[in-house]
Structure formats: C-alpha cells, structure tokens
Amino acid sequence: MPFSMVRSDITTMKVDAIVNAANERLLGGGGVDGAIHRAAGPELLEECRALGGCKTGQAKLTKGYRLPAKFVIHTVGPIWRGGGHGERELLVSAYRSSLELAAAHQCKTVAFPLISSGVYGYPKDQALKVAVDTITGFLLEHDMTVYLVIFDRTACTISGKLFDRIAAYIDDNYVDSHTDEQEQRRRELLFRREAAPQPCAAAPGGLNEALEHMDESFTQMLLRKIDQRGMTDAQCYKRANIDRKLFSKIRSDVHYKPSKPTAMAFAVALELPLEEAREMLGKAGFAFSHASKFDVIVEYFISQGNYNMVEINEALFAFDQSLLGG
C-alpha cells in the first residue's frame, strides 16, 4: 500500500531506500543511526565521511552496502527545544527532503524511522503527526510506497478519549474466538445475517435501483460509486491508501475479488454509510464480522461518520491490527 505504519527493524526492510535519523556530522551515533551503520558495514562510514555533513532539515544519499536496501537516505531532524524554535518546520523539511531525494533516484519503496523522537526529544505524538501529515501529503502527488517503522505504541496520536471509546465499542461488540459451542453457533448465525443481501429499501435509489444493481460485481459497484461521488479515480484510490497499479487491476477486471482490507478501504474513501459499506463488502464476498477486532474498529468509525483514513489506521495500529489499504 502507499503508506503503512509497521513494527519492524528498519535495517531488515527490503525496500529501495531506508532513511537514517542522523546527526549533522553523518559519522554514526546511537539509536537508529548506529544500528544502520552496524548493519551496513564500514563502507557506509567511509562514504559518509566524503559527504561533508548535512544540515538540519536536509538529506543526503549513500549506497546501502550490506543492507537489504539499495540506498540509505541520511536526514537530520531537529532537537526539541520546547517547540518555539522552528522544530516543526525543520522536521517537515527532513521528511520532505528525504522523500524528494528518494523520488529523484526513482525509489518506489522507502522506510522511515520516527525522526527526532529518540534522544533528540521530540514528543512522540507530535513527531508522528508531522510524519503522517508530511508523508501522506507527498503521496497525493507521487506514486511511492512508504513505511513508517514505529516500535512505541505510545507514539499513536489518537486521543485517550477516542481510544477509550473504541475500546468500549470493542467490548460491546467483539466476540472472542475462544467460545463454547453455543456461542459459536450464535456467532455463525450473526455472520450469516450480516452476509445476507441488505433490504432493498436501504438502497439510495429505492427498490428499482436495488433491483437494477443486484447482480453487479464489486468492480461495477466501485466505479458506479466513484461516479456518483463526482470523484476521479486518482482521488478515490489515494484516499483509500491503495496503489495505482492495484486500482488499475480492479478497474480492468469486472470480476476482480479484492482483499477485505482493500474493500473496506474503498468504502471508507467513498464515505459510504454502514449499510452501503456492508453491501460493498458483500460484493467482494465478505461481511463485517464481530469475531474480528479489525472489523469492529472499522465499523465503529463508519458508524460514527468518521472517514479519516489516517485516524482509522492510527487506531488500528494502536490496537495491534493491520491497516486499511491494498
């Protein structure tokens, strides 16, 4: 997918480029910087010495050497001094400079750490917001897949109140998979009821429209909804956090069967109400299941009329679920 938050070791990411949160001297250090230098080998330090350092907010590129990544993009984030010394602007610049350098070297996949959130002291929640806003803004204009590698769940920017509301919704609706036989039968009945076609009256155009579209495929419904919303294809797949190539496959194959996260992502991107989201999911052969925390969380946001993809994915990440998208 174009943007994803993952828990991983950035030195093991098989991408075109990984980003190193470096210091201005570019001679290695602690944290992510030290780990990247150790994994890449001494040749990386040799090349870095020839670069003559790097100013805060800027970025420079080297080979990846022993890393799985072809390149290392070294960028220098700001030291946190309370927020009144241009820290945010410098952090935005560090991400933007790195992304532009990656694009200039035809990198299609890039992995970032959470820049400045370690020894430089930038508050993790604010650092994450800058990272997400800058990366997603860049991806609106560029075809690239970007991973943000995060270890600390406390970096998630969703508020404590929102976290508590989602947790309460999960408690009320989530059915644990380890249940007795009677509960299992009840859950299967619930699933069949959710998977069944929705009443015709729920269709926006009434009975006639429901009958007209009852045999349409997922692809046909998706393209129809895009037209109804007055959106372009690019606006839809970017809002859905879906890769352009995947969207092209869907558009060219009337019988394409997407994954469940992809189908859900389009329902969110199109801002479908819950009944229509269920219908779109059904066209792909799926249903919202209360035996899945992932499903329950997405259902919660749709039921609340909140279609903010970034916020939904941050919530999914906070609850250790996979993210929406292709």
C-alpha atoms as a PDB file:
ATOM      1  CA  MET A   1       0.000   0.000   0.000  1.00  0.00           C
ATOM      2  CA  PRO A   2       1.205   3.613  -0.457  1.00  0.00           C
ATOM      3  CA  PHE A   3       1.532   4.342   3.295  1.00  0.00           C
ATOM      4  CA  SER A   4       1.755   1.951   6.202  1.00  0.00           C
ATOM      5  CA  MET A   5       2.900   2.009   9.805  1.00  0.00           C
ATOM      6  CA  VAL A   6       4.770  -1.133  10.842  1.00  0.00           C
ATOM      7  CA  ARG A   7       6.628  -2.555  13.816  1.00  0.00           C
ATOM      8  CA  SER A   8       9.899  -3.868  12.446  1.00  0.00           C
ATOM      9  CA  ASP A   9      13.673  -3.496  12.416  1.00  0.00           C
ATOM     10  CA  ILE A  10      14.351  -0.862   9.778  1.00  0.00           C
ATOM     11  CA  THR A  11      17.708  -2.448   8.937  1.00  0.00           C
ATOM     12  CA  THR A  12      15.893  -5.565   7.685  1.00  0.00           C
ATOM     13  CA  MET A  13      13.377  -3.755   5.458  1.00  0.00           C
ATOM     14  CA  LYS A  14      13.597  -4.907   1.832  1.00  0.00           C
ATOM     15  CA  VAL A  15      12.935  -1.538   0.231  1.00  0.00           C
ATOM     16  CA  ASP A  16      14.686   0.714  -2.266  1.00  0.00           C
ATOM     17  CA  ALA A  17      15.786   3.102   0.468  1.00  0.00           C
ATOM     18  CA  ILE A  18      15.734   3.355   4.233  1.00  0.00           C
ATOM     19  CA  VAL A  19      16.001   6.700   5.990  1.00  0.00           C
ATOM     20  CA  ASN A  20      18.599   7.216   8.687  1.00  0.00           C
ATOM     21  CA  ALA A  21      17.874   9.678  11.503  1.00  0.00           C
ATOM     22  CA  ALA A  22      21.439  11.005  11.566  1.00  0.00           C
ATOM     23  CA  ASN A  23      23.334  13.822  13.235  1.00  0.00           C
ATOM     24  CA  GLU A  24      24.845  16.725  11.308  1.00  0.00           C
ATOM     25  CA  ARG A  25      28.281  15.099  11.101  1.00  0.00           C
ATOM     26  CA  LEU A  26      26.904  11.924   9.429  1.00  0.00           C
ATOM     27  CA  LEU A  27      29.525   9.832  11.220  1.00  0.00           C
ATOM     28  CA  GLY A  28      27.218   7.430  13.031  1.00  0.00           C
ATOM     29  CA  GLY A  29      25.857   7.535  16.529  1.00  0.00           C
ATOM     30  CA  GLY A  30      23.389   5.777  18.770  1.00  0.00           C
ATOM     31  CA  GLY A  31      19.860   4.518  18.233  1.00  0.00           C
ATOM     32  CA  VAL A  32      18.706   4.026  14.639  1.00  0.00           C
ATOM     33  CA  ASP A  33      21.826   5.756  13.300  1.00  0.00           C
ATOM     34  CA  GLY A  34      24.177   3.325  14.999  1.00  0.00           C
ATOM     35  CA  ALA A  35      22.072   0.292  14.078  1.00  0.00           C
ATOM     36  CA  ILE A  36      22.086   1.253  10.392  1.00  0.00           C
ATOM     37  CA  HIS A  37      25.856   1.790  10.364  1.00  0.00           C
ATOM     38  CA  ARG A  38      26.470  -1.555  12.047  1.00  0.00           C
ATOM     39  CA  ALA A  39      24.202  -3.397   9.626  1.00  0.00           C
ATOM     40  CA  ALA A  40      25.577  -1.643   6.532  1.00  0.00           C
ATOM     41  CA  GLY A  41      29.242  -2.197   7.420  1.00  0.00           C
ATOM     42  CA  PRO A  42      32.281   0.133   7.485  1.00  0.00           C
ATOM     43  CA  GLU A  43      31.894   1.123   3.842  1.00  0.00           C
ATOM     44  CA  LEU A  44      28.905   3.279   4.795  1.00  0.00           C
ATOM     45  CA  LEU A  45      31.001   5.355   7.197  1.00  0.00           C
ATOM     46  CA  GLU A  46      33.650   5.827   4.511  1.00  0.00           C
ATOM     47  CA  GLU A  47      31.123   7.247   2.064  1.00  0.00           C
ATOM     48  CA  CYS A  48      29.537   9.410   4.765  1.00  0.00           C
ATOM     49  CA  ARG A  49      32.894  10.992   5.564  1.00  0.00           C
ATOM     50  CA  ALA A  50      33.081  12.237   1.985  1.00  0.00           C
ATOM     51  CA  LEU A  51      29.696  13.979   2.190  1.00  0.00           C
ATOM     52  CA  GLY A  52      30.854  16.788   4.450  1.00  0.00           C
ATOM     53  CA  GLY A  53      27.985  16.549   6.883  1.00  0.00           C
ATOM     54  CA  CYS A  54      24.341  17.547   6.500  1.00  0.00           C
ATOM     55  CA  LYS A  55      22.348  20.491   7.842  1.00  0.00           C
ATOM     56  CA  THR A  56      19.261  20.016   9.988  1.00  0.00           C
ATOM     57  CA  GLY A  57      16.180  19.566   7.830  1.00  0.00           C
ATOM     58  CA  GLN A  58      18.133  18.413   4.788  1.00  0.00           C
ATOM     59  CA  ALA A  59      19.045  14.961   3.435  1.00  0.00           C
ATOM     60  CA  LYS A  60      21.873  13.180   1.618  1.00  0.00           C
ATOM     61  CA  LEU A  61      22.022   9.763  -0.065  1.00  0.00           C
ATOM     62  CA  THR A  62      24.528   6.892   0.064  1.00  0.00           C
ATOM     63  CA  LYS A  63      24.595   3.271  -1.019  1.00  0.00           C
ATOM     64  CA  GLY A  64      23.096   0.651   1.269  1.00  0.00           C
ATOM     65  CA  TYR A  65      26.102  -1.720   1.167  1.00  0.00           C
ATOM     66  CA  ARG A  66      25.281  -4.771   3.305  1.00  0.00           C
ATOM     67  CA  LEU A  67      21.708  -3.667   3.962  1.00  0.00           C
ATOM     68  CA  PRO A  68      18.779  -5.161   2.021  1.00  0.00           C
ATOM     69  CA  ALA A  69      18.016  -1.595   0.912  1.00  0.00           C
ATOM     70  CA  LYS A  70      19.782  -0.214  -2.155  1.00  0.00           C
ATOM     71  CA  PHE A  71      20.171   3.257  -0.643  1.00  0.00           C
ATOM     72  CA  VAL A  72      20.375   4.970   2.727  1.00  0.00           C
ATOM     73  CA  ILE A  73      18.963   8.483   2.891  1.00  0.00           C
ATOM     74  CA  HIS A  74      20.548  10.356   5.790  1.00  0.00           C
ATOM     75  CA  THR A  75      18.495  13.203   7.216  1.00  0.00           C
ATOM     76  CA  VAL A  76      18.932  15.350  10.292  1.00  0.00           C
ATOM     77  CA  GLY A  77      15.906  16.105  12.406  1.00  0.00           C
ATOM     78  CA  PRO A  78      15.675  18.961  14.896  1.00  0.00           C
ATOM     79  CA  ILE A  79      16.489  18.768  18.588  1.00  0.00           C
ATOM     80  CA  TRP A  80      13.349  19.540  20.616  1.00  0.00           C
ATOM     81  CA  ARG A  81      13.678  22.855  22.461  1.00  0.00           C
ATOM     82  CA  GLY A  82      10.083  23.312  23.548  1.00  0.00           C
ATOM     83  CA  GLY A  83       8.508  23.795  20.125  1.00  0.00           C
ATOM     84  CA  GLY A  84       9.168  27.503  19.731  1.00  0.00           C
ATOM     85  CA  HIS A  85      12.376  27.302  17.720  1.00  0.00           C
ATOM     86  CA  GLY A  86      11.110  26.148  14.338  1.00  0.00           C
ATOM     87  CA  GLU A  87      11.260  22.455  15.241  1.00  0.00           C
ATOM     88  CA  ARG A  88       8.112  21.519  13.340  1.00  0.00           C
ATOM     89  CA  GLU A  89       9.218  23.256  10.142  1.00  0.00           C
ATOM     90  CA  LEU A  90      12.630  21.566  10.319  1.00  0.00           C
ATOM     91  CA  LEU A  91      11.064  18.164  10.914  1.00  0.00           C
ATOM     92  CA  VAL A  92       8.705  18.624   7.949  1.00  0.00           C
ATOM     93  CA  SER A  93      11.723  19.603   5.871  1.00  0.00           C
ATOM     94  CA  ALA A  94      13.629  16.486   6.950  1.00  0.00           C
ATOM     95  CA  TYR A  95      10.790  14.237   5.758  1.00  0.00           C
ATOM     96  CA  ARG A  96      10.126  16.229   2.612  1.00  0.00           C
ATOM     97  CA  SER A  97      13.815  16.417   1.639  1.00  0.00           C
ATOM     98  CA  SER A  98      14.165  12.671   2.122  1.00  0.00           C
ATOM     99  CA  LEU A  99      11.088  11.930   0.032  1.00  0.00           C
ATOM    100  CA  GLU A 100      12.201  14.239  -2.771  1.00  0.00           C
ATOM    101  CA  LEU A 101      15.658  12.644  -2.776  1.00  0.00           C
ATOM    102  CA  ALA A 102      14.075   9.195  -2.955  1.00  0.00           C
ATOM    103  CA  ALA A 103      11.879  10.264  -5.870  1.00  0.00           C
ATOM    104  CA  ALA A 104      14.883  11.769  -7.685  1.00  0.00           C
ATOM    105  CA  HIS A 105      16.604   8.347  -7.508  1.00  0.00           C
ATOM    106  CA  GLN A 106      13.480   6.502  -8.732  1.00  0.00           C
ATOM    107  CA  CYS A 107      12.867   4.817  -5.378  1.00  0.00           C
ATOM    108  CA  LYS A 108       9.459   3.162  -5.268  1.00  0.00           C
ATOM    109  CA  THR A 109       9.630   1.884  -1.681  1.00  0.00           C
ATOM    110  CA  VAL A 110      11.020   3.832   1.295  1.00  0.00           C
ATOM    111  CA  ALA A 111      11.117   3.109   5.038  1.00  0.00           C
ATOM    112  CA  PHE A 112      11.362   5.874   7.653  1.00  0.00           C
ATOM    113  CA  PRO A 113      12.031   5.776  11.366  1.00  0.00           C
ATOM    114  CA  LEU A 114      10.182   8.262  13.560  1.00  0.00           C
ATOM    115  CA  ILE A 115      12.695  11.074  13.144  1.00  0.00           C
ATOM    116  CA  SER A 116      13.803  13.116  16.200  1.00  0.00           C
ATOM    117  CA  SER A 117      11.626  11.103  18.597  1.00  0.00           C
ATOM    118  CA  GLY A 118      14.568   9.419  20.364  1.00  0.00           C
ATOM    119  CA  VAL A 119      17.460  11.217  22.037  1.00  0.00           C
ATOM    120  CA  TYR A 120      16.505  14.449  20.241  1.00  0.00           C
ATOM    121  CA  GLY A 121      13.434  14.566  22.483  1.00  0.00           C
ATOM    122  CA  TYR A 122      10.693  15.470  20.020  1.00  0.00           C
ATOM    123  CA  PRO A 123       7.376  14.407  21.678  1.00  0.00           C
ATOM    124  CA  LYS A 124       6.388  11.128  20.038  1.00  0.00           C
ATOM    125  CA  ASP A 125       2.749  12.023  19.407  1.00  0.00           C
ATOM    126  CA  GLN A 126       3.709  15.284  17.725  1.00  0.00           C
ATOM    127  CA  ALA A 127       6.541  13.628  15.794  1.00  0.00           C
ATOM    128  CA  LEU A 128       4.107  11.014  14.471  1.00  0.00           C
ATOM    129  CA  LYS A 129       1.598  13.650  13.364  1.00  0.00           C
ATOM    130  CA  VAL A 130       4.293  15.523  11.427  1.00  0.00           C
ATOM    131  CA  ALA A 131       5.472  12.276   9.823  1.00  0.00           C
ATOM    132  CA  VAL A 132       1.993  11.130   8.791  1.00  0.00           C
ATOM    133  CA  ASP A 133       0.860  14.545   7.529  1.00  0.00           C
ATOM    134  CA  THR A 134       4.044  15.128   5.512  1.00  0.00           C
ATOM    135  CA  ILE A 135       4.244  11.643   4.014  1.00  0.00           C
ATOM    136  CA  THR A 136       0.565  11.381   3.093  1.00  0.00           C
ATOM    137  CA  GLY A 137       0.663  14.883   1.594  1.00  0.00           C
ATOM    138  CA  PHE A 138       3.643  13.895  -0.562  1.00  0.00           C
ATOM    139  CA  LEU A 139       1.929  10.687  -1.697  1.00  0.00           C
ATOM    140  CA  LEU A 140      -1.023  12.648  -3.080  1.00  0.00           C
ATOM    141  CA  GLU A 141       1.343  13.816  -5.822  1.00  0.00           C
ATOM    142  CA  HIS A 142       3.722  10.841  -6.170  1.00  0.00           C
ATOM    143  CA  ASP A 143       3.490   7.097  -6.747  1.00  0.00           C
ATOM    144  CA  MET A 144       5.565   5.609  -3.957  1.00  0.00           C
ATOM    145  CA  THR A 145       5.108   3.145  -1.107  1.00  0.00           C
ATOM    146  CA  VAL A 146       6.274   4.485   2.244  1.00  0.00           C
ATOM    147  CA  TYR A 147       6.630   2.581   5.514  1.00  0.00           C
ATOM    148  CA  LEU A 148       6.873   4.337   8.871  1.00  0.00           C
ATOM    149  CA  VAL A 149       8.675   1.998  11.257  1.00  0.00           C
ATOM    150  CA  ILE A 150       7.488   2.514  14.831  1.00  0.00           C
ATOM    151  CA  PHE A 151       8.214   0.487  17.938  1.00  0.00           C
ATOM    152  CA  ASP A 152       6.469   2.502  20.633  1.00  0.00           C
ATOM    153  CA  ARG A 153       2.674   2.248  20.797  1.00  0.00           C
ATOM    154  CA  THR A 154       2.611   5.454  22.875  1.00  0.00           C
ATOM    155  CA  ALA A 155       3.519   7.346  19.706  1.00  0.00           C
ATOM    156  CA  CYS A 156      -0.038   6.899  18.441  1.00  0.00           C
ATOM    157  CA  THR A 157      -1.767  10.262  18.165  1.00  0.00           C
ATOM    158  CA  ILE A 158      -5.335   9.157  18.838  1.00  0.00           C
ATOM    159  CA  SER A 159      -6.602  10.812  21.990  1.00  0.00           C
ATOM    160  CA  GLY A 160      -7.142   8.938  25.203  1.00  0.00           C
ATOM    161  CA  LYS A 161     -10.885   9.626  24.980  1.00  0.00           C
ATOM    162  CA  LEU A 162     -11.085   8.209  21.442  1.00  0.00           C
ATOM    163  CA  PHE A 163      -9.032   5.184  22.475  1.00  0.00           C
ATOM    164  CA  ASP A 164     -11.423   4.590  25.386  1.00  0.00           C
ATOM    165  CA  ARG A 165     -14.494   4.948  23.137  1.00  0.00           C
ATOM    166  CA  ILE A 166     -13.099   2.444  20.640  1.00  0.00           C
ATOM    167  CA  ALA A 167     -12.164   0.066  23.454  1.00  0.00           C
ATOM    168  CA  ALA A 168     -15.693   0.311  24.845  1.00  0.00           C
ATOM    169  CA  TYR A 169     -17.171  -0.357  21.386  1.00  0.00           C
ATOM    170  CA  ILE A 170     -14.922  -3.420  21.054  1.00  0.00           C
ATOM    171  CA  ASP A 171     -16.019  -4.634  24.494  1.00  0.00           C
ATOM    172  CA  ASP A 172     -19.671  -4.266  23.486  1.00  0.00           C
ATOM    173  CA  ASN A 173     -19.371  -5.838  20.031  1.00  0.00           C
ATOM    174  CA  TYR A 174     -16.304  -8.082  19.823  1.00  0.00           C
ATOM    175  CA  VAL A 175     -16.978 -11.811  20.112  1.00  0.00           C
ATOM    176  CA  ASP A 176     -13.918 -13.687  21.367  1.00  0.00           C
ATOM    177  CA  SER A 177     -12.918 -16.527  19.057  1.00  0.00           C
ATOM    178  CA  HIS A 178     -12.469 -18.888  22.016  1.00  0.00           C
ATOM    179  CA  THR A 179     -16.089 -19.517  22.951  1.00  0.00           C
ATOM    180  CA  ASP A 180     -18.204 -22.512  23.826  1.00  0.00           C
ATOM    181  CA  GLU A 181     -20.261 -24.363  21.218  1.00  0.00           C
ATOM    182  CA  GLN A 182     -23.444 -22.392  21.889  1.00  0.00           C
ATOM    183  CA  GLU A 183     -21.685 -19.052  21.469  1.00  0.00           C
ATOM    184  CA  GLN A 184     -20.016 -20.331  18.312  1.00  0.00           C
ATOM    185  CA  ARG A 185     -23.414 -21.168  16.776  1.00  0.00           C
ATOM    186  CA  ARG A 186     -24.734 -17.734  17.738  1.00  0.00           C
ATOM    187  CA  ARG A 187     -21.731 -16.066  16.080  1.00  0.00           C
ATOM    188  CA  GLU A 188     -22.164 -18.095  12.885  1.00  0.00           C
ATOM    189  CA  LEU A 189     -25.834 -17.063  12.741  1.00  0.00           C
ATOM    190  CA  LEU A 190     -24.803 -13.423  13.189  1.00  0.00           C
ATOM    191  CA  PHE A 191     -22.239 -13.746  10.393  1.00  0.00           C
ATOM    192  CA  ARG A 192     -24.808 -15.254   8.000  1.00  0.00           C
ATOM    193  CA  ARG A 193     -27.246 -12.468   8.815  1.00  0.00           C
ATOM    194  CA  GLU A 194     -24.566  -9.841   8.110  1.00  0.00           C
ATOM    195  CA  ALA A 195     -23.548 -11.569   4.879  1.00  0.00           C
ATOM    196  CA  ALA A 196     -27.127 -11.722   3.583  1.00  0.00           C
ATOM    197  CA  PRO A 197     -28.202  -9.111   0.979  1.00  0.00           C
ATOM    198  CA  GLN A 198     -29.452  -5.926   2.586  1.00  0.00           C
ATOM    199  CA  PRO A 199     -33.142  -4.969   2.277  1.00  0.00           C
ATOM    200  CA  CYS A 200     -33.916  -3.191  -0.967  1.00  0.00           C
ATOM    201  CA  ALA A 201     -35.306  -0.189   0.903  1.00  0.00           C
ATOM    202  CA  ALA A 202     -31.809   0.582   2.153  1.00  0.00           C
ATOM    203  CA  ALA A 203     -30.626   1.329  -1.376  1.00  0.00           C
ATOM    204  CA  PRO A 204     -30.245   5.081  -2.043  1.00  0.00           C
ATOM    205  CA  GLY A 205     -32.438   4.962  -5.145  1.00  0.00           C
ATOM    206  CA  GLY A 206     -35.124   2.695  -3.665  1.00  0.00           C
ATOM    207  CA  LEU A 207     -36.436  -0.626  -4.970  1.00  0.00           C
ATOM    208  CA  ASN A 208     -35.845  -0.009  -8.680  1.00  0.00           C
ATOM    209  CA  GLU A 209     -32.182   0.895  -8.206  1.00  0.00           C
ATOM    210  CA  ALA A 210     -31.661  -2.054  -5.859  1.00  0.00           C
ATOM    211  CA  LEU A 211     -33.062  -4.449  -8.462  1.00  0.00           C
ATOM    212  CA  GLU A 212     -31.029  -2.806 -11.194  1.00  0.00           C
ATOM    213  CA  HIS A 213     -27.753  -3.316  -9.320  1.00  0.00           C
ATOM    214  CA  MET A 214     -28.397  -6.600  -7.508  1.00  0.00           C
ATOM    215  CA  ASP A 215     -26.124  -8.601  -9.848  1.00  0.00           C
ATOM    216  CA  GLU A 216     -23.341  -6.055 -10.237  1.00  0.00           C
ATOM    217  CA  SER A 217     -19.817  -7.038  -9.230  1.00  0.00           C
ATOM    218  CA  PHE A 218     -17.535  -5.318  -6.736  1.00  0.00           C
ATOM    219  CA  THR A 219     -15.743  -3.518  -9.566  1.00  0.00           C
ATOM    220  CA  GLN A 220     -19.003  -2.293 -11.083  1.00  0.00           C
ATOM    221  CA  MET A 221     -20.266  -1.039  -7.745  1.00  0.00           C
ATOM    222  CA  LEU A 222     -16.963   0.682  -7.005  1.00  0.00           C
ATOM    223  CA  LEU A 223     -16.869   2.524 -10.333  1.00  0.00           C
ATOM    224  CA  ARG A 224     -20.547   3.467 -10.006  1.00  0.00           C
ATOM    225  CA  LYS A 225     -19.973   4.919  -6.534  1.00  0.00           C
ATOM    226  CA  ILE A 226     -16.926   6.862  -7.742  1.00  0.00           C
ATOM    227  CA  ASP A 227     -19.066   8.453 -10.462  1.00  0.00           C
ATOM    228  CA  GLN A 228     -21.898   9.163  -8.028  1.00  0.00           C
ATOM    229  CA  ARG A 229     -19.489  10.906  -5.666  1.00  0.00           C
ATOM    230  CA  GLY A 230     -18.057  13.021  -8.507  1.00  0.00           C
ATOM    231  CA  MET A 231     -14.560  11.769  -7.725  1.00  0.00           C
ATOM    232  CA  THR A 232     -11.714  10.966 -10.089  1.00  0.00           C
ATOM    233  CA  ASP A 233     -10.126   7.519  -9.986  1.00  0.00           C
ATOM    234  CA  ALA A 234      -6.930   9.008  -8.539  1.00  0.00           C
ATOM    235  CA  GLN A 235      -8.809  10.838  -5.789  1.00  0.00           C
ATOM    236  CA  CYS A 236     -10.529   7.603  -4.803  1.00  0.00           C
ATOM    237  CA  TYR A 237      -7.548   5.243  -4.723  1.00  0.00           C
ATOM    238  CA  LYS A 238      -5.314   7.772  -2.984  1.00  0.00           C
ATOM    239  CA  ARG A 239      -7.947   8.411  -0.316  1.00  0.00           C
ATOM    240  CA  ALA A 240      -8.264   4.644   0.039  1.00  0.00           C
ATOM    241  CA  ASN A 241      -4.479   4.288   0.536  1.00  0.00           C
ATOM    242  CA  ILE A 242      -4.423   1.974  -2.494  1.00  0.00           C
ATOM    243  CA  ASP A 243      -1.624   1.632  -5.019  1.00  0.00           C
ATOM    244  CA  ARG A 244      -2.381   2.869  -8.552  1.00  0.00           C
ATOM    245  CA  LYS A 245      -1.369  -0.477 -10.079  1.00  0.00           C
ATOM    246  CA  LEU A 246      -3.801  -2.344  -7.855  1.00  0.00           C
ATOM    247  CA  PHE A 247      -6.590   0.049  -8.770  1.00  0.00           C
ATOM    248  CA  SER A 248      -5.809  -0.485 -12.459  1.00  0.00           C
ATOM    249  CA  LYS A 249      -6.181  -4.248 -11.964  1.00  0.00           C
ATOM    250  CA  ILE A 250      -9.540  -3.748 -10.285  1.00  0.00           C
ATOM    251  CA  ARG A 251     -10.790  -1.373 -12.987  1.00  0.00           C
ATOM    252  CA  SER A 252      -9.746  -3.678 -15.841  1.00  0.00           C
ATOM    253  CA  ASP A 253     -11.327  -6.826 -14.358  1.00  0.00           C
ATOM    254  CA  VAL A 254     -15.072  -6.704 -13.811  1.00  0.00           C
ATOM    255  CA  HIS A 255     -14.865  -9.882 -11.698  1.00  0.00           C
ATOM    256  CA  TYR A 256     -11.887  -8.799  -9.554  1.00  0.00           C
ATOM    257  CA  LYS A 257     -12.084 -10.019  -5.950  1.00  0.00           C
ATOM    258  CA  PRO A 258     -10.190  -7.660  -3.621  1.00  0.00           C
ATOM    259  CA  SER A 259      -8.921  -8.468  -0.171  1.00  0.00           C
ATOM    260  CA  LYS A 260     -11.131  -7.499   2.739  1.00  0.00           C
ATOM    261  CA  PRO A 261      -8.930  -4.543   3.839  1.00  0.00           C
ATOM    262  CA  THR A 262      -8.969  -3.231   0.252  1.00  0.00           C
ATOM    263  CA  ALA A 263     -12.767  -3.447   0.014  1.00  0.00           C
ATOM    264  CA  MET A 264     -13.107  -1.717   3.394  1.00  0.00           C
ATOM    265  CA  ALA A 265     -10.630   0.979   2.347  1.00  0.00           C
ATOM    266  CA  PHE A 266     -12.737   1.879  -0.682  1.00  0.00           C
ATOM    267  CA  ALA A 267     -15.877   2.001   1.465  1.00  0.00           C
ATOM    268  CA  VAL A 268     -14.091   4.490   3.742  1.00  0.00           C
ATOM    269  CA  ALA A 269     -12.669   6.510   0.836  1.00  0.00           C
ATOM    270  CA  LEU A 270     -16.148   6.813  -0.693  1.00  0.00           C
ATOM    271  CA  GLU A 271     -17.613   7.712   2.732  1.00  0.00           C
ATOM    272  CA  LEU A 272     -20.305   5.070   2.438  1.00  0.00           C
ATOM    273  CA  PRO A 273     -22.802   4.779   5.287  1.00  0.00           C
ATOM    274  CA  LEU A 274     -22.691   1.488   7.165  1.00  0.00           C
ATOM    275  CA  GLU A 275     -25.396  -0.283   5.142  1.00  0.00           C
ATOM    276  CA  GLU A 276     -23.739   0.636   1.836  1.00  0.00           C
ATOM    277  CA  ALA A 277     -20.334  -0.339   3.235  1.00  0.00           C
ATOM    278  CA  ARG A 278     -21.789  -3.742   4.110  1.00  0.00           C
ATOM    279  CA  GLU A 279     -23.170  -4.020   0.578  1.00  0.00           C
ATOM    280  CA  MET A 280     -19.780  -3.203  -0.972  1.00  0.00           C
ATOM    281  CA  LEU A 281     -18.101  -5.734   1.286  1.00  0.00           C
ATOM    282  CA  GLY A 282     -20.696  -8.312   0.273  1.00  0.00           C
ATOM    283  CA  LYS A 283     -19.897  -7.728  -3.422  1.00  0.00           C
ATOM    284  CA  ALA A 284     -16.340  -8.822  -2.607  1.00  0.00           C
ATOM    285  CA  GLY A 285     -17.575 -11.907  -0.756  1.00  0.00           C
ATOM    286  CA  PHE A 286     -17.035 -10.584   2.771  1.00  0.00           C
ATOM    287  CA  ALA A 287     -19.019  -9.235   5.714  1.00  0.00           C
ATOM    288  CA  PHE A 288     -18.257  -7.236   8.840  1.00  0.00           C
ATOM    289  CA  SER A 289     -17.541  -9.856  11.485  1.00  0.00           C
ATOM    290  CA  HIS A 290     -17.796  -9.233  15.204  1.00  0.00           C
ATOM    291  CA  ALA A 291     -15.248 -12.009  15.647  1.00  0.00           C
ATOM    292  CA  SER A 292     -12.591  -9.644  14.250  1.00  0.00           C
ATOM    293  CA  LYS A 293     -11.275  -6.616  16.167  1.00  0.00           C
ATOM    294  CA  PHE A 294     -10.137  -5.180  12.829  1.00  0.00           C
ATOM    295  CA  ASP A 295     -13.715  -5.288  11.516  1.00  0.00           C
ATOM    296  CA  VAL A 296     -15.198  -3.921  14.726  1.00  0.00           C
ATOM    297  CA  ILE A 297     -12.837  -0.926  14.759  1.00  0.00           C
ATOM    298  CA  VAL A 298     -13.540  -0.026  11.126  1.00  0.00           C
ATOM    299  CA  GLU A 299     -17.266  -0.499  11.748  1.00  0.00           C
ATOM    300  CA  TYR A 300     -17.019   1.878  14.729  1.00  0.00           C
ATOM    301  CA  PHE A 301     -15.528   4.690  12.620  1.00  0.00           C
ATOM    302  CA  ILE A 302     -18.041   4.237   9.790  1.00  0.00           C
ATOM    303  CA  SER A 303     -20.957   4.164  12.247  1.00  0.00           C
ATOM    304  CA  GLN A 304     -19.669   7.449  13.699  1.00  0.00           C
ATOM    305  CA  GLY A 305     -19.385   9.030  10.235  1.00  0.00           C
ATOM    306  CA  ASN A 306     -15.627   9.402  10.691  1.00  0.00           C
ATOM    307  CA  TYR A 307     -13.891   8.594   7.395  1.00  0.00           C
ATOM    308  CA  ASN A 308     -10.456   9.975   8.244  1.00  0.00           C
ATOM    309  CA  MET A 309      -8.214   7.211   6.858  1.00  0.00           C
ATOM    310  CA  VAL A 310      -5.158   8.366   8.810  1.00  0.00           C
ATOM    311  CA  GLU A 311      -7.064   8.388  12.095  1.00  0.00           C
ATOM    312  CA  ILE A 312      -8.603   4.982  11.377  1.00  0.00           C
ATOM    313  CA  ASN A 313      -5.202   3.468  10.611  1.00  0.00           C
ATOM    314  CA  GLU A 314      -3.672   5.037  13.706  1.00  0.00           C
ATOM    315  CA  ALA A 315      -6.432   3.451  15.770  1.00  0.00           C
ATOM    316  CA  LEU A 316      -5.885   0.075  14.094  1.00  0.00           C
ATOM    317  CA  PHE A 317      -2.156   0.391  14.776  1.00  0.00           C
ATOM    318  CA  ALA A 318      -2.827   1.289  18.415  1.00  0.00           C
ATOM    319  CA  PHE A 319      -4.869  -1.911  18.795  1.00  0.00           C
ATOM    320  CA  ASP A 320      -2.225  -4.030  17.030  1.00  0.00           C
ATOM    321  CA  GLN A 321      -4.310  -4.597  13.897  1.00  0.00           C
ATOM    322  CA  SER A 322      -3.301  -4.477  10.249  1.00  0.00           C
ATOM    323  CA  LEU A 323      -4.036  -1.241   8.394  1.00  0.00           C
ATOM    324  CA  LEU A 324      -6.589  -0.353   5.746  1.00  0.00           C
ATOM    325  CA  GLY A 325      -5.398  -0.292   2.155  1.00  0.00           C
ATOM    326  CA  GLY A 326      -4.214  -2.540  -0.632  1.00  0.00           C
END
